[in-house]
Amino acid sequence: MTYENFAFVYDEVMDTTLYEEWLDFSKRHLNPDTKEVLELACGTGALAVEFAKAGYEVTALDLSEEMLMVASARVANEDEELDIQFVQGDMMDLSEVGTYDAITCFSDSICYMPDRQAVQQVFDTVYDALEEGGKFIFDVHSLHQVNEVFPDYSYHYQTEDFAFLWDSFPGEKENSIEHFLTFFVKDEENFLRFDELHQERTYSIENYYTMLENANFTAIETYADFEDDIPTDESARWFFVCTK
């Protein structure tokens, strides 16, 4: 999976209303005295900007140099000066980024980890990067979303100078999905085509709890679909709020 091409069209296809929902959910569950926030898998920086505008000191980390280029340009175009530091790095190793009052990882980014070992490694390094009493908040696709909603999902979007095709199929591994993305971007008189494969995998809530407890998190709360409600069999997105 690569974000080399996706970075430059990501905002065209992303539902921008979700950023406010992620921010609102975070603000409800962060400690009142939270100042420094580390956002993992920050992408094009839209949520980092919202966190900074809400008064947090933000470090935004992403593996993709292209995503961070778009994110930096976004901040440069803001009318106000924002307290955001962008860092290129792997969320499987946070040993060099310092410690924070809170760490977030949204947009189902945990689901891009290839296996349980990788997820466990993320949880372990996040725990080490949190201040005592700090919060780790993340979301993942539910089993219902991966196994019942996504298979054979198809979404097509187009404008005069842009087209986006998104088709999803069950993955080879249990509780996994493969998203085939095709972009057509106008370049002078022609259209350039870019193809990408995004692979995601999720686990049961019980398995997430086990991995979080293995990382030494003891206070773990679970919610669904941006609300402070317990997950149901038809929830699309699970949220975890973990305290060190």
C-alpha atoms as a PDB file:
ATOM      1  CA  MET A   1       0.000   0.000   0.000  1.00  0.00           C
ATOM      2  CA  THR A   2       1.283   3.432  -0.878  1.00  0.00           C
ATOM      3  CA  TYR A   3       0.068   6.960  -0.357  1.00  0.00           C
ATOM      4  CA  GLU A   4       2.353   8.531  -2.959  1.00  0.00           C
ATOM      5  CA  ASN A   5      -0.486   9.401  -5.326  1.00  0.00           C
ATOM      6  CA  PHE A   6      -3.334   9.321  -2.826  1.00  0.00           C
ATOM      7  CA  ALA A   7      -1.847  12.206  -0.814  1.00  0.00           C
ATOM      8  CA  PHE A   8      -2.534  14.792  -3.472  1.00  0.00           C
ATOM      9  CA  VAL A   9      -6.189  13.849  -3.999  1.00  0.00           C
ATOM     10  CA  TYR A  10      -7.029  12.701  -0.468  1.00  0.00           C
ATOM     11  CA  ASP A  11      -8.946  15.840   0.449  1.00  0.00           C
ATOM     12  CA  GLU A  12     -11.024  15.557  -2.731  1.00  0.00           C
ATOM     13  CA  VAL A  13     -12.567  12.283  -1.584  1.00  0.00           C
ATOM     14  CA  MET A  14     -12.491  12.630   2.203  1.00  0.00           C
ATOM     15  CA  ASP A  15     -15.647  13.531   4.117  1.00  0.00           C
ATOM     16  CA  THR A  16     -14.383  16.709   5.777  1.00  0.00           C
ATOM     17  CA  THR A  17     -17.201  16.735   8.349  1.00  0.00           C
ATOM     18  CA  LEU A  18     -15.507  13.796  10.075  1.00  0.00           C
ATOM     19  CA  TYR A  19     -12.635  15.973  11.299  1.00  0.00           C
ATOM     20  CA  GLU A  20     -14.964  17.978  13.529  1.00  0.00           C
ATOM     21  CA  GLU A  21     -16.486  14.745  14.822  1.00  0.00           C
ATOM     22  CA  TRP A  22     -13.058  13.313  15.694  1.00  0.00           C
ATOM     23  CA  LEU A  23     -12.147  16.562  17.428  1.00  0.00           C
ATOM     24  CA  ASP A  24     -15.410  16.681  19.382  1.00  0.00           C
ATOM     25  CA  PHE A  25     -15.047  13.065  20.479  1.00  0.00           C
ATOM     26  CA  SER A  26     -11.457  13.704  21.583  1.00  0.00           C
ATOM     27  CA  LYS A  27     -12.330  16.830  23.550  1.00  0.00           C
ATOM     28  CA  ARG A  28     -15.016  14.922  25.456  1.00  0.00           C
ATOM     29  CA  HIS A  29     -12.543  12.254  26.538  1.00  0.00           C
ATOM     30  CA  LEU A  30      -9.207  14.014  26.920  1.00  0.00           C
ATOM     31  CA  ASN A  31      -8.109  15.110  30.373  1.00  0.00           C
ATOM     32  CA  PRO A  32      -9.074  18.767  30.999  1.00  0.00           C
ATOM     33  CA  ASP A  33      -5.417  19.740  31.479  1.00  0.00           C
ATOM     34  CA  THR A  34      -4.256  18.163  28.200  1.00  0.00           C
ATOM     35  CA  LYS A  35      -1.794  20.395  26.353  1.00  0.00           C
ATOM     36  CA  GLU A  36       0.514  18.324  24.142  1.00  0.00           C
ATOM     37  CA  VAL A  37      -1.115  15.969  21.645  1.00  0.00           C
ATOM     38  CA  LEU A  38       0.604  13.536  19.287  1.00  0.00           C
ATOM     39  CA  GLU A  39      -1.530  12.670  16.273  1.00  0.00           C
ATOM     40  CA  LEU A  40      -0.506   9.442  14.552  1.00  0.00           C
ATOM     41  CA  ALA A  41      -1.107   8.891  10.835  1.00  0.00           C
ATOM     42  CA  CYS A  42      -1.939  12.579  10.454  1.00  0.00           C
ATOM     43  CA  GLY A  43      -2.328  12.405   6.672  1.00  0.00           C
ATOM     44  CA  THR A  44      -2.860  15.785   5.057  1.00  0.00           C
ATOM     45  CA  GLY A  45      -3.022  17.572   8.397  1.00  0.00           C
ATOM     46  CA  ALA A  46      -6.702  18.539   8.450  1.00  0.00           C
ATOM     47  CA  LEU A  47      -7.332  17.137  11.930  1.00  0.00           C
ATOM     48  CA  ALA A  48      -4.017  18.483  13.234  1.00  0.00           C
ATOM     49  CA  VAL A  49      -5.192  21.953  12.215  1.00  0.00           C
ATOM     50  CA  GLU A  50      -8.465  21.452  14.095  1.00  0.00           C
ATOM     51  CA  PHE A  51      -6.611  20.314  17.228  1.00  0.00           C
ATOM     52  CA  ALA A  52      -4.298  23.323  17.037  1.00  0.00           C
ATOM     53  CA  LYS A  53      -7.199  25.740  16.565  1.00  0.00           C
ATOM     54  CA  ALA A  54      -8.761  24.209  19.683  1.00  0.00           C
ATOM     55  CA  GLY A  55      -5.683  25.263  21.646  1.00  0.00           C
ATOM     56  CA  TYR A  56      -3.586  22.099  21.740  1.00  0.00           C
ATOM     57  CA  GLU A  57       0.139  21.907  21.022  1.00  0.00           C
ATOM     58  CA  VAL A  58       0.219  19.346  18.231  1.00  0.00           C
ATOM     59  CA  THR A  59       2.887  17.019  16.931  1.00  0.00           C
ATOM     60  CA  ALA A  60       1.569  15.324  13.789  1.00  0.00           C
ATOM     61  CA  LEU A  61       3.326  12.183  12.577  1.00  0.00           C
ATOM     62  CA  ASP A  62       2.958  10.323   9.303  1.00  0.00           C
ATOM     63  CA  LEU A  63       5.012   7.772   7.402  1.00  0.00           C
ATOM     64  CA  SER A  64       4.327   9.395   4.032  1.00  0.00           C
ATOM     65  CA  GLU A  65       6.521  12.281   2.933  1.00  0.00           C
ATOM     66  CA  GLU A  66       3.895  13.198   0.338  1.00  0.00           C
ATOM     67  CA  MET A  67       1.156  13.446   2.972  1.00  0.00           C
ATOM     68  CA  LEU A  68       3.346  15.685   5.108  1.00  0.00           C
ATOM     69  CA  MET A  69       4.083  17.940   2.130  1.00  0.00           C
ATOM     70  CA  VAL A  70       0.357  18.483   1.657  1.00  0.00           C
ATOM     71  CA  ALA A  71      -0.088  18.974   5.411  1.00  0.00           C
ATOM     72  CA  SER A  72       2.660  21.592   5.616  1.00  0.00           C
ATOM     73  CA  ALA A  73       1.152  23.485   2.693  1.00  0.00           C
ATOM     74  CA  ARG A  74      -2.237  23.393   4.419  1.00  0.00           C
ATOM     75  CA  VAL A  75      -0.834  24.999   7.568  1.00  0.00           C
ATOM     76  CA  ALA A  76       1.066  27.605   5.554  1.00  0.00           C
ATOM     77  CA  ASN A  77      -2.223  28.681   3.969  1.00  0.00           C
ATOM     78  CA  GLU A  78      -3.966  29.203   7.312  1.00  0.00           C
ATOM     79  CA  ASP A  79      -4.680  32.792   8.330  1.00  0.00           C
ATOM     80  CA  GLU A  80      -3.506  32.225  11.899  1.00  0.00           C
ATOM     81  CA  GLU A  81      -0.249  30.849  13.264  1.00  0.00           C
ATOM     82  CA  LEU A  82      -0.782  27.328  14.533  1.00  0.00           C
ATOM     83  CA  ASP A  83       1.300  25.306  16.985  1.00  0.00           C
ATOM     84  CA  ILE A  84       1.899  22.213  14.846  1.00  0.00           C
ATOM     85  CA  GLN A  85       5.105  20.269  14.328  1.00  0.00           C
ATOM     86  CA  PHE A  86       5.103  17.704  11.523  1.00  0.00           C
ATOM     87  CA  VAL A  87       7.283  14.619  11.876  1.00  0.00           C
ATOM     88  CA  GLN A  88       7.941  11.875   9.360  1.00  0.00           C
ATOM     89  CA  GLY A  89       7.979   8.597  11.224  1.00  0.00           C
ATOM     90  CA  ASP A  90       6.557   5.136  11.789  1.00  0.00           C
ATOM     91  CA  MET A  91       3.891   4.789  14.475  1.00  0.00           C
ATOM     92  CA  MET A  92       5.334   1.361  15.253  1.00  0.00           C
ATOM     93  CA  ASP A  93       8.351   3.108  16.818  1.00  0.00           C
ATOM     94  CA  LEU A  94       7.785   6.311  18.810  1.00  0.00           C
ATOM     95  CA  SER A  95      10.977   6.048  20.848  1.00  0.00           C
ATOM     96  CA  GLU A  96      12.401   9.274  19.407  1.00  0.00           C
ATOM     97  CA  VAL A  97       9.360  11.570  19.526  1.00  0.00           C
ATOM     98  CA  GLY A  98       9.164  12.321  23.250  1.00  0.00           C
ATOM     99  CA  THR A  99       6.197  11.967  25.595  1.00  0.00           C
ATOM    100  CA  TYR A 100       2.728  13.483  25.396  1.00  0.00           C
ATOM    101  CA  ASP A 101      -0.401  14.153  27.421  1.00  0.00           C
ATOM    102  CA  ALA A 102      -2.456  12.427  24.742  1.00  0.00           C
ATOM    103  CA  ILE A 103      -1.969  10.386  21.578  1.00  0.00           C
ATOM    104  CA  THR A 104      -4.631   9.922  18.913  1.00  0.00           C
ATOM    105  CA  CYS A 105      -4.868   7.646  15.886  1.00  0.00           C
ATOM    106  CA  PHE A 106      -8.017   8.086  13.810  1.00  0.00           C
ATOM    107  CA  SER A 107      -9.385   7.318  10.353  1.00  0.00           C
ATOM    108  CA  ASP A 108      -9.037   3.555  11.044  1.00  0.00           C
ATOM    109  CA  SER A 109      -5.263   3.880  10.638  1.00  0.00           C
ATOM    110  CA  ILE A 110      -4.659   1.009  13.073  1.00  0.00           C
ATOM    111  CA  CYS A 111      -6.452  -1.242  10.566  1.00  0.00           C
ATOM    112  CA  TYR A 112      -3.587  -0.749   8.120  1.00  0.00           C
ATOM    113  CA  MET A 113      -1.291  -2.763  10.376  1.00  0.00           C
ATOM    114  CA  PRO A 114      -0.714  -6.125   8.640  1.00  0.00           C
ATOM    115  CA  ASP A 115      -1.157  -8.391  11.663  1.00  0.00           C
ATOM    116  CA  ARG A 116      -1.689  -8.558  15.422  1.00  0.00           C
ATOM    117  CA  GLN A 117       2.026  -8.371  16.094  1.00  0.00           C
ATOM    118  CA  ALA A 118       2.194  -4.995  14.354  1.00  0.00           C
ATOM    119  CA  VAL A 119      -0.874  -3.707  16.217  1.00  0.00           C
ATOM    120  CA  GLN A 120       0.678  -4.855  19.486  1.00  0.00           C
ATOM    121  CA  GLN A 121       3.877  -3.024  18.624  1.00  0.00           C
ATOM    122  CA  VAL A 122       1.912   0.192  18.065  1.00  0.00           C
ATOM    123  CA  PHE A 123       0.114  -0.163  21.398  1.00  0.00           C
ATOM    124  CA  ASP A 124       3.396  -0.872  23.200  1.00  0.00           C
ATOM    125  CA  THR A 125       5.217   2.150  21.796  1.00  0.00           C
ATOM    126  CA  VAL A 126       2.195   4.424  22.338  1.00  0.00           C
ATOM    127  CA  TYR A 127       2.090   3.420  25.997  1.00  0.00           C
ATOM    128  CA  ASP A 128       5.761   4.315  26.392  1.00  0.00           C
ATOM    129  CA  ALA A 129       5.202   7.702  24.697  1.00  0.00           C
ATOM    130  CA  LEU A 130       2.384   8.727  27.053  1.00  0.00           C
ATOM    131  CA  GLU A 131       2.762  10.703  30.249  1.00  0.00           C
ATOM    132  CA  GLU A 132       1.376   8.980  33.341  1.00  0.00           C
ATOM    133  CA  GLY A 133      -2.399   9.393  33.268  1.00  0.00           C
ATOM    134  CA  GLY A 134      -2.299  10.284  29.579  1.00  0.00           C
ATOM    135  CA  LYS A 135      -4.957   9.198  27.093  1.00  0.00           C
ATOM    136  CA  PHE A 136      -4.668   7.103  23.942  1.00  0.00           C
ATOM    137  CA  ILE A 137      -7.725   7.486  21.701  1.00  0.00           C
ATOM    138  CA  PHE A 138      -8.137   5.601  18.430  1.00  0.00           C
ATOM    139  CA  ASP A 139     -10.780   4.168  16.144  1.00  0.00           C
ATOM    140  CA  VAL A 140     -11.013   1.044  13.998  1.00  0.00           C
ATOM    141  CA  HIS A 141     -13.505  -0.518  11.630  1.00  0.00           C
ATOM    142  CA  SER A 142     -15.924  -2.883  13.325  1.00  0.00           C
ATOM    143  CA  LEU A 143     -16.247  -6.519  12.315  1.00  0.00           C
ATOM    144  CA  HIS A 144     -19.663  -5.666  10.883  1.00  0.00           C
ATOM    145  CA  GLN A 145     -18.181  -2.937   8.683  1.00  0.00           C
ATOM    146  CA  VAL A 146     -15.396  -5.148   7.345  1.00  0.00           C
ATOM    147  CA  ASN A 147     -17.362  -8.363   6.890  1.00  0.00           C
ATOM    148  CA  GLU A 148     -20.857  -7.133   6.009  1.00  0.00           C
ATOM    149  CA  VAL A 149     -20.675  -3.583   4.628  1.00  0.00           C
ATOM    150  CA  PHE A 150     -17.413  -3.269   2.727  1.00  0.00           C
ATOM    151  CA  PRO A 151     -17.486  -6.472   0.614  1.00  0.00           C
ATOM    152  CA  ASP A 152     -18.572  -5.570  -2.929  1.00  0.00           C
ATOM    153  CA  TYR A 153     -18.805  -1.900  -1.928  1.00  0.00           C
ATOM    154  CA  SER A 154     -18.471   0.442  -4.906  1.00  0.00           C
ATOM    155  CA  TYR A 155     -18.273   4.234  -4.984  1.00  0.00           C
ATOM    156  CA  HIS A 156     -17.649   6.412  -8.033  1.00  0.00           C
ATOM    157  CA  TYR A 157     -17.183  10.174  -7.975  1.00  0.00           C
ATOM    158  CA  GLN A 158     -16.296  12.567 -10.751  1.00  0.00           C
ATOM    159  CA  THR A 159     -15.993  16.240 -11.654  1.00  0.00           C
ATOM    160  CA  GLU A 160     -14.843  17.895 -14.872  1.00  0.00           C
ATOM    161  CA  ASP A 161     -11.172  17.422 -14.036  1.00  0.00           C
ATOM    162  CA  PHE A 162     -11.171  14.547 -11.551  1.00  0.00           C
ATOM    163  CA  ALA A 163     -12.623  11.047 -11.181  1.00  0.00           C
ATOM    164  CA  PHE A 164     -12.381   8.566  -8.328  1.00  0.00           C
ATOM    165  CA  LEU A 165     -13.314   4.865  -8.360  1.00  0.00           C
ATOM    166  CA  TRP A 166     -13.385   2.907  -5.094  1.00  0.00           C
ATOM    167  CA  ASP A 167     -14.206  -0.804  -5.080  1.00  0.00           C
ATOM    168  CA  SER A 168     -13.812  -3.102  -2.077  1.00  0.00           C
ATOM    169  CA  PHE A 169     -13.494  -6.876  -1.841  1.00  0.00           C
ATOM    170  CA  PRO A 170     -12.869  -9.347   0.995  1.00  0.00           C
ATOM    171  CA  GLY A 171      -9.191  -9.868   1.776  1.00  0.00           C
ATOM    172  CA  GLU A 172      -7.383 -13.170   2.057  1.00  0.00           C
ATOM    173  CA  LYS A 173      -6.948 -12.911   5.846  1.00  0.00           C
ATOM    174  CA  GLU A 174      -9.738 -13.205   8.378  1.00  0.00           C
ATOM    175  CA  ASN A 175     -11.633  -9.942   8.970  1.00  0.00           C
ATOM    176  CA  SER A 176      -9.747  -8.111   6.240  1.00  0.00           C
ATOM    177  CA  ILE A 177     -10.740  -5.992   3.271  1.00  0.00           C
ATOM    178  CA  GLU A 178      -9.008  -4.748   0.128  1.00  0.00           C
ATOM    179  CA  HIS A 179      -9.855  -1.356  -1.350  1.00  0.00           C
ATOM    180  CA  PHE A 180      -8.961  -0.844  -5.000  1.00  0.00           C
ATOM    181  CA  LEU A 181      -8.671   2.885  -5.713  1.00  0.00           C
ATOM    182  CA  THR A 182      -8.365   4.438  -9.155  1.00  0.00           C
ATOM    183  CA  PHE A 183      -7.904   8.164  -9.773  1.00  0.00           C
ATOM    184  CA  PHE A 184      -8.099  10.102 -12.999  1.00  0.00           C
ATOM    185  CA  VAL A 185      -6.571  13.570 -12.657  1.00  0.00           C
ATOM    186  CA  LYS A 186      -6.666  16.105 -15.477  1.00  0.00           C
ATOM    187  CA  ASP A 187      -3.264  17.241 -16.687  1.00  0.00           C
ATOM    188  CA  GLU A 188      -3.546  19.899 -19.407  1.00  0.00           C
ATOM    189  CA  GLU A 189      -5.396  18.079 -22.205  1.00  0.00           C
ATOM    190  CA  ASN A 190      -5.078  14.527 -20.862  1.00  0.00           C
ATOM    191  CA  PHE A 191      -6.060  12.572 -17.777  1.00  0.00           C
ATOM    192  CA  LEU A 192      -3.439  10.809 -15.667  1.00  0.00           C
ATOM    193  CA  ARG A 193      -4.456   7.495 -14.108  1.00  0.00           C
ATOM    194  CA  PHE A 194      -3.257   6.301 -10.704  1.00  0.00           C
ATOM    195  CA  ASP A 195      -4.102   2.943  -9.128  1.00  0.00           C
ATOM    196  CA  GLU A 196      -3.652   1.976  -5.491  1.00  0.00           C
ATOM    197  CA  LEU A 197      -4.465  -1.001  -3.286  1.00  0.00           C
ATOM    198  CA  HIS A 198      -5.285  -0.335   0.365  1.00  0.00           C
ATOM    199  CA  GLN A 199      -5.460  -3.354   2.669  1.00  0.00           C
ATOM    200  CA  GLU A 200      -7.124  -3.183   6.081  1.00  0.00           C
ATOM    201  CA  ARG A 201      -7.749  -5.682   8.838  1.00  0.00           C
ATOM    202  CA  THR A 202      -9.639  -5.515  12.114  1.00  0.00           C
ATOM    203  CA  TYR A 203     -10.190  -7.734  15.153  1.00  0.00           C
ATOM    204  CA  SER A 204     -12.822  -8.344  17.782  1.00  0.00           C
ATOM    205  CA  ILE A 205     -13.210  -5.899  20.646  1.00  0.00           C
ATOM    206  CA  GLU A 206     -11.988  -8.656  22.950  1.00  0.00           C
ATOM    207  CA  ASN A 207      -8.787  -9.022  20.931  1.00  0.00           C
ATOM    208  CA  TYR A 208      -8.172  -5.266  21.030  1.00  0.00           C
ATOM    209  CA  TYR A 209      -8.653  -5.336  24.802  1.00  0.00           C
ATOM    210  CA  THR A 210      -6.149  -8.172  25.119  1.00  0.00           C
ATOM    211  CA  MET A 211      -3.534  -6.308  23.093  1.00  0.00           C
ATOM    212  CA  LEU A 212      -4.103  -3.074  25.023  1.00  0.00           C
ATOM    213  CA  GLU A 213      -3.822  -4.903  28.335  1.00  0.00           C
ATOM    214  CA  ASN A 214      -0.631  -6.576  27.101  1.00  0.00           C
ATOM    215  CA  ALA A 215       0.710  -3.056  26.540  1.00  0.00           C
ATOM    216  CA  ASN A 216      -0.148  -2.301  30.217  1.00  0.00           C
ATOM    217  CA  PHE A 217      -3.214  -0.131  29.624  1.00  0.00           C
ATOM    218  CA  THR A 218      -5.607  -0.844  32.485  1.00  0.00           C
ATOM    219  CA  ALA A 219      -8.441   1.673  32.037  1.00  0.00           C
ATOM    220  CA  ILE A 220     -10.040   1.005  28.633  1.00  0.00           C
ATOM    221  CA  GLU A 221     -13.397   2.310  27.425  1.00  0.00           C
ATOM    222  CA  THR A 222     -15.143   1.441  24.161  1.00  0.00           C
ATOM    223  CA  TYR A 223     -17.633   3.541  22.203  1.00  0.00           C
ATOM    224  CA  ALA A 224     -19.158   3.539  18.723  1.00  0.00           C
ATOM    225  CA  ASP A 225     -19.675   5.826  15.754  1.00  0.00           C
ATOM    226  CA  PHE A 226     -18.445   9.106  17.300  1.00  0.00           C
ATOM    227  CA  GLU A 227     -21.001   8.877  20.128  1.00  0.00           C
ATOM    228  CA  ASP A 228     -20.590   7.952  23.781  1.00  0.00           C
ATOM    229  CA  ASP A 229     -22.632   4.807  23.212  1.00  0.00           C
ATOM    230  CA  ILE A 230     -21.561   1.214  23.657  1.00  0.00           C
ATOM    231  CA  PRO A 231     -20.948  -0.709  20.416  1.00  0.00           C
ATOM    232  CA  THR A 232     -23.730  -2.814  18.949  1.00  0.00           C
ATOM    233  CA  ASP A 233     -23.655  -5.612  16.389  1.00  0.00           C
ATOM    234  CA  GLU A 234     -24.254  -3.034  13.636  1.00  0.00           C
ATOM    235  CA  SER A 235     -21.809  -0.334  14.723  1.00  0.00           C
ATOM    236  CA  ALA A 236     -19.550   0.765  11.875  1.00  0.00           C
ATOM    237  CA  ARG A 237     -16.637   2.265  13.790  1.00  0.00           C
ATOM    238  CA  TRP A 238     -15.339   1.432  17.251  1.00  0.00           C
ATOM    239  CA  PHE A 239     -13.604   3.994  19.439  1.00  0.00           C
ATOM    240  CA  PHE A 240     -11.195   3.122  22.246  1.00  0.00           C
ATOM    241  CA  VAL A 241     -10.229   5.488  25.059  1.00  0.00           C
ATOM    242  CA  CYS A 242      -7.264   4.141  27.018  1.00  0.00           C
ATOM    243  CA  THR A 243      -5.562   5.629  30.072  1.00  0.00           C
ATOM    244  CA  LYS A 244      -1.968   5.019  31.118  1.00  0.00           C
END
